């Protein structure tokens, strides 16, 4: 993806001035969608170095829209994430890189009461899973349409993604997408757990399933953007390191 010009120095200085009070426990900073789109990777690193993860920011508007969708479609999961006395949608500045345009956003990976459904390339098996990914990449190379399970496997291959973000991106049924994921697990394409030496901060899955609806699906709906940045022959390298970009 072609990177946009960095935010101009005057605007960046104003952003730093606005973030400075948020380096305390009583102030929450705002960074707009427009500002997010202007920040360069170097400016993001400067903000993180200057303010650290203890600085609090409010999720940008497009992320709030996603979580309002979640509240409507899976209230128990929303409550698990944001319920309680604290104001919702407040996160650490440490998540800033994940919130930039072209990234997956604030992934749902730390549920306490509900089942976590987040996967990375480490969860893709090197037999059935790799075969499915390779077949799906062949479909994309031929400008074909993916089935839902193929689309999900490709998204997992690209970078960590959770059930709800996938459902929102593609505009599919949440219940159908969950059945599809459980079917992929039962078919041996996705691992319930990652071998200890390969584990990342992603939580473990502990559910099984046996059915899925296969139907053609276009790569992403109007809900979110997607990038196609990984080479088709890079599966093995990606499986060694899923800490790369989280592209929607």
C-alpha atoms as a PDB file:
ATOM      1  CA  UNK A   1       0.000   0.000   0.000  1.00  0.00           C
ATOM      2  CA  UNK A   2       1.310   3.464  -0.871  1.00  0.00           C
ATOM      3  CA  UNK A   3       1.911   5.397   2.320  1.00  0.00           C
ATOM      4  CA  UNK A   4       0.360   8.840   2.666  1.00  0.00           C
ATOM      5  CA  UNK A   5       2.454  11.940   3.434  1.00  0.00           C
ATOM      6  CA  UNK A   6       3.115  12.371   7.153  1.00  0.00           C
ATOM      7  CA  UNK A   7       1.087  14.804   9.220  1.00  0.00           C
ATOM      8  CA  UNK A   8       2.560  18.288   8.903  1.00  0.00           C
ATOM      9  CA  UNK A   9       4.724  19.465  11.798  1.00  0.00           C
ATOM     10  CA  UNK A  10       2.326  22.139  13.077  1.00  0.00           C
ATOM     11  CA  UNK A  11      -0.610  19.728  13.239  1.00  0.00           C
ATOM     12  CA  UNK A  12       1.601  17.110  14.859  1.00  0.00           C
ATOM     13  CA  UNK A  13       2.740  19.615  17.509  1.00  0.00           C
ATOM     14  CA  UNK A  14      -0.890  20.415  18.285  1.00  0.00           C
ATOM     15  CA  UNK A  15      -1.623  16.697  18.654  1.00  0.00           C
ATOM     16  CA  UNK A  16       1.289  16.288  21.056  1.00  0.00           C
ATOM     17  CA  UNK A  17       0.003  19.253  23.081  1.00  0.00           C
ATOM     18  CA  UNK A  18      -3.456  17.646  23.262  1.00  0.00           C
ATOM     19  CA  UNK A  19      -2.064  14.259  24.265  1.00  0.00           C
ATOM     20  CA  UNK A  20       0.141  15.630  27.028  1.00  0.00           C
ATOM     21  CA  UNK A  21      -2.627  15.894  29.676  1.00  0.00           C
ATOM     22  CA  UNK A  22      -3.680  12.334  28.817  1.00  0.00           C
ATOM     23  CA  UNK A  23      -0.404  11.110  30.269  1.00  0.00           C
ATOM     24  CA  UNK A  24      -2.182  11.318  33.622  1.00  0.00           C
ATOM     25  CA  UNK A  25      -4.872   9.010  35.005  1.00  0.00           C
ATOM     26  CA  UNK A  26      -7.625  11.641  34.841  1.00  0.00           C
ATOM     27  CA  UNK A  27      -7.533  12.838  31.251  1.00  0.00           C
ATOM     28  CA  UNK A  28      -8.539  11.064  28.055  1.00  0.00           C
ATOM     29  CA  UNK A  29      -7.264  12.310  24.697  1.00  0.00           C
ATOM     30  CA  UNK A  30      -9.102  12.248  21.386  1.00  0.00           C
ATOM     31  CA  UNK A  31      -7.475  11.395  18.063  1.00  0.00           C
ATOM     32  CA  UNK A  32      -9.837  11.763  15.138  1.00  0.00           C
ATOM     33  CA  UNK A  33     -10.148   9.439  12.161  1.00  0.00           C
ATOM     34  CA  UNK A  34      -8.659  12.187   9.986  1.00  0.00           C
ATOM     35  CA  UNK A  35      -5.655  12.541  12.280  1.00  0.00           C
ATOM     36  CA  UNK A  36      -5.186   8.776  12.358  1.00  0.00           C
ATOM     37  CA  UNK A  37      -5.036   8.736   8.565  1.00  0.00           C
ATOM     38  CA  UNK A  38      -2.321  11.411   8.522  1.00  0.00           C
ATOM     39  CA  UNK A  39       0.051   9.901  11.066  1.00  0.00           C
ATOM     40  CA  UNK A  40       3.205   8.337   9.654  1.00  0.00           C
ATOM     41  CA  UNK A  41       4.803   5.247  11.208  1.00  0.00           C
ATOM     42  CA  UNK A  42       7.617   7.441  12.521  1.00  0.00           C
ATOM     43  CA  UNK A  43       5.175   9.869  14.150  1.00  0.00           C
ATOM     44  CA  UNK A  44       3.329   6.983  15.787  1.00  0.00           C
ATOM     45  CA  UNK A  45       6.597   5.722  17.264  1.00  0.00           C
ATOM     46  CA  UNK A  46       7.426   9.207  18.498  1.00  0.00           C
ATOM     47  CA  UNK A  47       4.069   9.477  20.260  1.00  0.00           C
ATOM     48  CA  UNK A  48       4.521   6.067  21.864  1.00  0.00           C
ATOM     49  CA  UNK A  49       8.052   6.941  23.012  1.00  0.00           C
ATOM     50  CA  UNK A  50       6.963  10.311  24.368  1.00  0.00           C
ATOM     51  CA  UNK A  51       3.777   9.283  26.174  1.00  0.00           C
ATOM     52  CA  UNK A  52       3.935   5.523  26.729  1.00  0.00           C
ATOM     53  CA  UNK A  53       1.177   2.954  27.143  1.00  0.00           C
ATOM     54  CA  UNK A  54      -0.233   4.562  30.287  1.00  0.00           C
ATOM     55  CA  UNK A  55      -1.677   7.417  28.239  1.00  0.00           C
ATOM     56  CA  UNK A  56      -5.394   6.905  27.561  1.00  0.00           C
ATOM     57  CA  UNK A  57      -7.177   7.662  24.301  1.00  0.00           C
ATOM     58  CA  UNK A  58     -10.710   7.199  23.057  1.00  0.00           C
ATOM     59  CA  UNK A  59     -11.216   4.822  20.147  1.00  0.00           C
ATOM     60  CA  UNK A  60     -11.669   6.719  16.874  1.00  0.00           C
ATOM     61  CA  UNK A  61     -15.158   7.047  15.448  1.00  0.00           C
ATOM     62  CA  UNK A  62     -14.887   4.183  12.959  1.00  0.00           C
ATOM     63  CA  UNK A  63     -13.838   1.832  15.770  1.00  0.00           C
ATOM     64  CA  UNK A  64     -16.712   3.033  17.925  1.00  0.00           C
ATOM     65  CA  UNK A  65     -19.054   2.268  15.037  1.00  0.00           C
ATOM     66  CA  UNK A  66     -17.744  -1.304  14.949  1.00  0.00           C
ATOM     67  CA  UNK A  67     -18.283  -1.778  18.677  1.00  0.00           C
ATOM     68  CA  UNK A  68     -21.761  -0.264  18.488  1.00  0.00           C
ATOM     69  CA  UNK A  69     -22.466  -2.889  15.827  1.00  0.00           C
ATOM     70  CA  UNK A  70     -21.113  -5.483  18.263  1.00  0.00           C
ATOM     71  CA  UNK A  71     -23.423  -4.171  21.009  1.00  0.00           C
ATOM     72  CA  UNK A  72     -26.411  -4.701  18.707  1.00  0.00           C
ATOM     73  CA  UNK A  73     -25.392  -8.128  17.377  1.00  0.00           C
ATOM     74  CA  UNK A  74     -23.647  -9.763  20.339  1.00  0.00           C
ATOM     75  CA  UNK A  75     -24.501  -7.873  23.516  1.00  0.00           C
ATOM     76  CA  UNK A  76     -22.903 -10.415  25.906  1.00  0.00           C
ATOM     77  CA  UNK A  77     -19.528 -10.013  24.177  1.00  0.00           C
ATOM     78  CA  UNK A  78     -19.854  -6.213  24.208  1.00  0.00           C
ATOM     79  CA  UNK A  79     -20.691  -6.357  27.919  1.00  0.00           C
ATOM     80  CA  UNK A  80     -17.688  -8.602  28.566  1.00  0.00           C
ATOM     81  CA  UNK A  81     -15.429  -6.052  26.875  1.00  0.00           C
ATOM     82  CA  UNK A  82     -16.901  -2.733  27.885  1.00  0.00           C
ATOM     83  CA  UNK A  83     -19.479  -3.365  30.620  1.00  0.00           C
ATOM     84  CA  UNK A  84     -19.131  -1.985  34.108  1.00  0.00           C
ATOM     85  CA  UNK A  85     -18.825   1.461  35.595  1.00  0.00           C
ATOM     86  CA  UNK A  86     -15.998   2.687  33.384  1.00  0.00           C
ATOM     87  CA  UNK A  87     -16.665   4.678  30.235  1.00  0.00           C
ATOM     88  CA  UNK A  88     -16.430   2.379  27.189  1.00  0.00           C
ATOM     89  CA  UNK A  89     -14.049   2.702  24.261  1.00  0.00           C
ATOM     90  CA  UNK A  90     -11.112   4.012  26.309  1.00  0.00           C
ATOM     91  CA  UNK A  91      -7.844   2.220  25.520  1.00  0.00           C
ATOM     92  CA  UNK A  92      -4.124   2.636  25.980  1.00  0.00           C
ATOM     93  CA  UNK A  93      -2.145   4.709  23.516  1.00  0.00           C
ATOM     94  CA  UNK A  94      -0.107   1.536  23.102  1.00  0.00           C
ATOM     95  CA  UNK A  95      -2.821   0.329  20.682  1.00  0.00           C
ATOM     96  CA  UNK A  96      -2.326   3.317  18.388  1.00  0.00           C
ATOM     97  CA  UNK A  97      -0.620   1.357  15.597  1.00  0.00           C
ATOM     98  CA  UNK A  98      -3.550  -1.093  15.475  1.00  0.00           C
ATOM     99  CA  UNK A  99      -6.032   1.764  15.102  1.00  0.00           C
ATOM    100  CA  UNK A 100      -4.516   3.324  11.997  1.00  0.00           C
ATOM    101  CA  UNK A 101      -6.397   3.037   8.681  1.00  0.00           C
ATOM    102  CA  UNK A 102      -5.613  -0.242   6.937  1.00  0.00           C
ATOM    103  CA  UNK A 103      -5.150  -2.113  10.222  1.00  0.00           C
ATOM    104  CA  UNK A 104      -7.523  -4.554  11.908  1.00  0.00           C
ATOM    105  CA  UNK A 105      -8.368  -2.206  14.749  1.00  0.00           C
ATOM    106  CA  UNK A 106      -8.868  -3.084  18.424  1.00  0.00           C
ATOM    107  CA  UNK A 107      -9.111  -6.862  18.230  1.00  0.00           C
ATOM    108  CA  UNK A 108     -11.388  -8.819  20.559  1.00  0.00           C
ATOM    109  CA  UNK A 109      -8.942 -11.114  22.304  1.00  0.00           C
ATOM    110  CA  UNK A 110      -9.358 -10.769  26.053  1.00  0.00           C
ATOM    111  CA  UNK A 111     -12.858 -11.960  26.899  1.00  0.00           C
ATOM    112  CA  UNK A 112     -13.389 -13.220  30.443  1.00  0.00           C
ATOM    113  CA  UNK A 113     -17.004 -14.444  30.388  1.00  0.00           C
ATOM    114  CA  UNK A 114     -17.524 -15.272  26.700  1.00  0.00           C
ATOM    115  CA  UNK A 115     -15.663 -17.553  24.306  1.00  0.00           C
ATOM    116  CA  UNK A 116     -12.689 -15.956  22.582  1.00  0.00           C
ATOM    117  CA  UNK A 117     -12.587 -16.447  18.809  1.00  0.00           C
ATOM    118  CA  UNK A 118      -9.346 -14.862  17.663  1.00  0.00           C
ATOM    119  CA  UNK A 119      -6.934 -16.601  15.301  1.00  0.00           C
ATOM    120  CA  UNK A 120      -3.539 -15.903  13.787  1.00  0.00           C
ATOM    121  CA  UNK A 121      -1.394 -17.757  11.262  1.00  0.00           C
ATOM    122  CA  UNK A 122      -0.057 -19.858  14.153  1.00  0.00           C
ATOM    123  CA  UNK A 123      -3.526 -21.411  14.398  1.00  0.00           C
ATOM    124  CA  UNK A 124      -3.436 -22.629  10.789  1.00  0.00           C
ATOM    125  CA  UNK A 125      -2.350 -26.259  10.546  1.00  0.00           C
ATOM    126  CA  UNK A 126       0.448 -27.184   8.166  1.00  0.00           C
ATOM    127  CA  UNK A 127      -1.612 -29.870   6.448  1.00  0.00           C
ATOM    128  CA  UNK A 128      -5.322 -29.193   6.027  1.00  0.00           C
ATOM    129  CA  UNK A 129      -5.007 -25.526   6.919  1.00  0.00           C
ATOM    130  CA  UNK A 130      -2.179 -24.796   4.526  1.00  0.00           C
ATOM    131  CA  UNK A 131      -3.970 -26.661   1.740  1.00  0.00           C
ATOM    132  CA  UNK A 132      -7.066 -24.529   2.294  1.00  0.00           C
ATOM    133  CA  UNK A 133      -5.069 -21.298   2.261  1.00  0.00           C
ATOM    134  CA  UNK A 134      -3.186 -22.291  -0.888  1.00  0.00           C
ATOM    135  CA  UNK A 135      -6.434 -23.209  -2.634  1.00  0.00           C
ATOM    136  CA  UNK A 136      -8.024 -19.899  -1.606  1.00  0.00           C
ATOM    137  CA  UNK A 137      -5.010 -17.922  -2.845  1.00  0.00           C
ATOM    138  CA  UNK A 138      -5.303 -19.728  -6.177  1.00  0.00           C
ATOM    139  CA  UNK A 139      -8.934 -18.599  -6.375  1.00  0.00           C
ATOM    140  CA  UNK A 140      -7.904 -15.007  -5.684  1.00  0.00           C
ATOM    141  CA  UNK A 141      -5.116 -15.189  -8.262  1.00  0.00           C
ATOM    142  CA  UNK A 142      -7.723 -16.258 -10.824  1.00  0.00           C
ATOM    143  CA  UNK A 143     -10.011 -13.363  -9.775  1.00  0.00           C
ATOM    144  CA  UNK A 144     -12.537 -15.881  -8.454  1.00  0.00           C
ATOM    145  CA  UNK A 145     -14.934 -15.595  -5.534  1.00  0.00           C
ATOM    146  CA  UNK A 146     -14.118 -17.197  -2.219  1.00  0.00           C
ATOM    147  CA  UNK A 147     -16.422 -19.255  -0.052  1.00  0.00           C
ATOM    148  CA  UNK A 148     -16.804 -17.921   3.470  1.00  0.00           C
ATOM    149  CA  UNK A 149     -14.435 -20.496   4.949  1.00  0.00           C
ATOM    150  CA  UNK A 150     -11.811 -19.702   2.303  1.00  0.00           C
ATOM    151  CA  UNK A 151     -12.151 -15.982   2.984  1.00  0.00           C
ATOM    152  CA  UNK A 152     -11.695 -16.526   6.697  1.00  0.00           C
ATOM    153  CA  UNK A 153      -8.602 -18.696   6.222  1.00  0.00           C
ATOM    154  CA  UNK A 154      -7.018 -16.049   4.016  1.00  0.00           C
ATOM    155  CA  UNK A 155      -7.776 -13.338   6.571  1.00  0.00           C
ATOM    156  CA  UNK A 156      -6.211 -15.431   9.348  1.00  0.00           C
ATOM    157  CA  UNK A 157      -3.177 -15.984   7.130  1.00  0.00           C
ATOM    158  CA  UNK A 158      -2.818 -12.239   6.580  1.00  0.00           C
ATOM    159  CA  UNK A 159      -2.826 -11.373  10.272  1.00  0.00           C
ATOM    160  CA  UNK A 160      -4.656 -11.884  13.584  1.00  0.00           C
ATOM    161  CA  UNK A 161      -8.416 -11.500  13.280  1.00  0.00           C
ATOM    162  CA  UNK A 162     -11.405 -12.282  15.470  1.00  0.00           C
ATOM    163  CA  UNK A 163     -14.807 -13.683  14.576  1.00  0.00           C
ATOM    164  CA  UNK A 164     -16.618 -10.385  15.076  1.00  0.00           C
ATOM    165  CA  UNK A 165     -14.246  -8.253  13.017  1.00  0.00           C
ATOM    166  CA  UNK A 166     -14.478 -10.764  10.159  1.00  0.00           C
ATOM    167  CA  UNK A 167     -18.275 -10.782  10.337  1.00  0.00           C
ATOM    168  CA  UNK A 168     -18.376  -6.978  10.321  1.00  0.00           C
ATOM    169  CA  UNK A 169     -15.888  -6.673   7.448  1.00  0.00           C
ATOM    170  CA  UNK A 170     -17.719  -9.115   5.211  1.00  0.00           C
ATOM    171  CA  UNK A 171     -21.297  -8.328   6.215  1.00  0.00           C
ATOM    172  CA  UNK A 172     -22.175 -11.976   6.863  1.00  0.00           C
ATOM    173  CA  UNK A 173     -24.319 -13.618   9.522  1.00  0.00           C
ATOM    174  CA  UNK A 174     -22.592 -13.824  12.901  1.00  0.00           C
ATOM    175  CA  UNK A 175     -24.153 -17.203  13.682  1.00  0.00           C
ATOM    176  CA  UNK A 176     -23.178 -18.558  10.268  1.00  0.00           C
ATOM    177  CA  UNK A 177     -19.608 -17.284  10.626  1.00  0.00           C
ATOM    178  CA  UNK A 178     -19.320 -18.920  14.048  1.00  0.00           C
ATOM    179  CA  UNK A 179     -20.550 -22.256  12.662  1.00  0.00           C
ATOM    180  CA  UNK A 180     -18.021 -21.920   9.865  1.00  0.00           C
ATOM    181  CA  UNK A 181     -15.134 -21.376  12.305  1.00  0.00           C
ATOM    182  CA  UNK A 182     -16.148 -24.347  14.423  1.00  0.00           C
ATOM    183  CA  UNK A 183     -16.328 -26.460  11.274  1.00  0.00           C
ATOM    184  CA  UNK A 184     -12.797 -25.385  10.288  1.00  0.00           C
ATOM    185  CA  UNK A 185     -11.600 -26.448  13.735  1.00  0.00           C
ATOM    186  CA  UNK A 186     -13.317 -29.831  13.493  1.00  0.00           C
ATOM    187  CA  UNK A 187     -11.875 -30.371  10.001  1.00  0.00           C
ATOM    188  CA  UNK A 188      -8.345 -29.835  11.283  1.00  0.00           C
ATOM    189  CA  UNK A 189      -7.698 -26.620   9.349  1.00  0.00           C
ATOM    190  CA  UNK A 190      -7.467 -24.464  12.472  1.00  0.00           C
ATOM    191  CA  UNK A 191      -5.907 -25.357  15.801  1.00  0.00           C
ATOM    192  CA  UNK A 192      -7.793 -24.943  19.042  1.00  0.00           C
ATOM    193  CA  UNK A 193      -4.512 -24.131  20.753  1.00  0.00           C
ATOM    194  CA  UNK A 194      -1.109 -23.107  19.501  1.00  0.00           C
ATOM    195  CA  UNK A 195       1.968 -25.146  20.489  1.00  0.00           C
ATOM    196  CA  UNK A 196       3.593 -23.499  23.483  1.00  0.00           C
ATOM    197  CA  UNK A 197       6.762 -22.496  21.661  1.00  0.00           C
ATOM    198  CA  UNK A 198       4.676 -20.706  18.998  1.00  0.00           C
ATOM    199  CA  UNK A 199       2.187 -19.008  21.273  1.00  0.00           C
ATOM    200  CA  UNK A 200       1.455 -15.320  20.915  1.00  0.00           C
ATOM    201  CA  UNK A 201      -0.704 -13.190  23.282  1.00  0.00           C
ATOM    202  CA  UNK A 202      -3.787 -14.503  21.471  1.00  0.00           C
ATOM    203  CA  UNK A 203      -6.034 -16.563  23.802  1.00  0.00           C
ATOM    204  CA  UNK A 204      -6.743 -20.248  23.309  1.00  0.00           C
ATOM    205  CA  UNK A 205      -9.932 -21.633  21.768  1.00  0.00           C
ATOM    206  CA  UNK A 206     -11.769 -24.552  23.371  1.00  0.00           C
ATOM    207  CA  UNK A 207     -14.885 -25.142  21.285  1.00  0.00           C
ATOM    208  CA  UNK A 208     -15.668 -27.568  18.487  1.00  0.00           C
ATOM    209  CA  UNK A 209     -18.247 -27.664  15.733  1.00  0.00           C
ATOM    210  CA  UNK A 210     -19.327 -29.651  12.723  1.00  0.00           C
ATOM    211  CA  UNK A 211     -21.284 -27.578  10.207  1.00  0.00           C
ATOM    212  CA  UNK A 212     -20.787 -24.632   7.900  1.00  0.00           C
ATOM    213  CA  UNK A 213     -22.616 -23.019   5.017  1.00  0.00           C
ATOM    214  CA  UNK A 214     -20.407 -22.687   1.951  1.00  0.00           C
ATOM    215  CA  UNK A 215     -21.328 -19.868  -0.379  1.00  0.00           C
ATOM    216  CA  UNK A 216     -19.489 -17.421  -2.638  1.00  0.00           C
ATOM    217  CA  UNK A 217     -18.234 -14.322  -0.881  1.00  0.00           C
ATOM    218  CA  UNK A 218     -16.539 -11.207  -2.178  1.00  0.00           C
ATOM    219  CA  UNK A 219     -13.342 -10.034  -0.458  1.00  0.00           C
ATOM    220  CA  UNK A 220     -14.783  -7.560   2.078  1.00  0.00           C
ATOM    221  CA  UNK A 221     -17.970  -5.562   2.275  1.00  0.00           C
ATOM    222  CA  UNK A 222     -18.496  -1.838   2.720  1.00  0.00           C
ATOM    223  CA  UNK A 223     -17.952  -2.205   6.473  1.00  0.00           C
ATOM    224  CA  UNK A 224     -14.174  -2.142   6.323  1.00  0.00           C
ATOM    225  CA  UNK A 225     -11.142  -1.834   4.089  1.00  0.00           C
ATOM    226  CA  UNK A 226      -8.773  -4.680   3.239  1.00  0.00           C
ATOM    227  CA  UNK A 227      -5.208  -4.808   2.012  1.00  0.00           C
ATOM    228  CA  UNK A 228      -3.511  -7.548   0.021  1.00  0.00           C
ATOM    229  CA  UNK A 229       0.082  -7.149   1.137  1.00  0.00           C
ATOM    230  CA  UNK A 230       1.400 -10.674   1.609  1.00  0.00           C
ATOM    231  CA  UNK A 231       2.952 -12.707  -1.195  1.00  0.00           C
ATOM    232  CA  UNK A 232       1.097 -15.846  -2.205  1.00  0.00           C
ATOM    233  CA  UNK A 233       4.134 -18.034  -1.490  1.00  0.00           C
ATOM    234  CA  UNK A 234       4.899 -16.590   1.926  1.00  0.00           C
ATOM    235  CA  UNK A 235       2.755 -18.890   4.089  1.00  0.00           C
ATOM    236  CA  UNK A 236       5.632 -20.641   5.829  1.00  0.00           C
ATOM    237  CA  UNK A 237       7.417 -17.382   6.682  1.00  0.00           C
ATOM    238  CA  UNK A 238       4.188 -15.881   7.978  1.00  0.00           C
ATOM    239  CA  UNK A 239       3.515 -18.932  10.127  1.00  0.00           C
ATOM    240  CA  UNK A 240       6.841 -18.274  11.848  1.00  0.00           C
ATOM    241  CA  UNK A 241       5.940 -14.680  12.605  1.00  0.00           C
ATOM    242  CA  UNK A 242       2.359 -13.489  12.873  1.00  0.00           C
ATOM    243  CA  UNK A 243       3.314 -10.232  14.454  1.00  0.00           C
ATOM    244  CA  UNK A 244       3.184  -8.455  11.109  1.00  0.00           C
ATOM    245  CA  UNK A 245       0.615  -5.932  10.029  1.00  0.00           C
ATOM    246  CA  UNK A 246      -3.024  -6.570  10.880  1.00  0.00           C
ATOM    247  CA  UNK A 247      -4.689  -5.680   7.655  1.00  0.00           C
ATOM    248  CA  UNK A 248      -8.390  -5.417   7.235  1.00  0.00           C
END
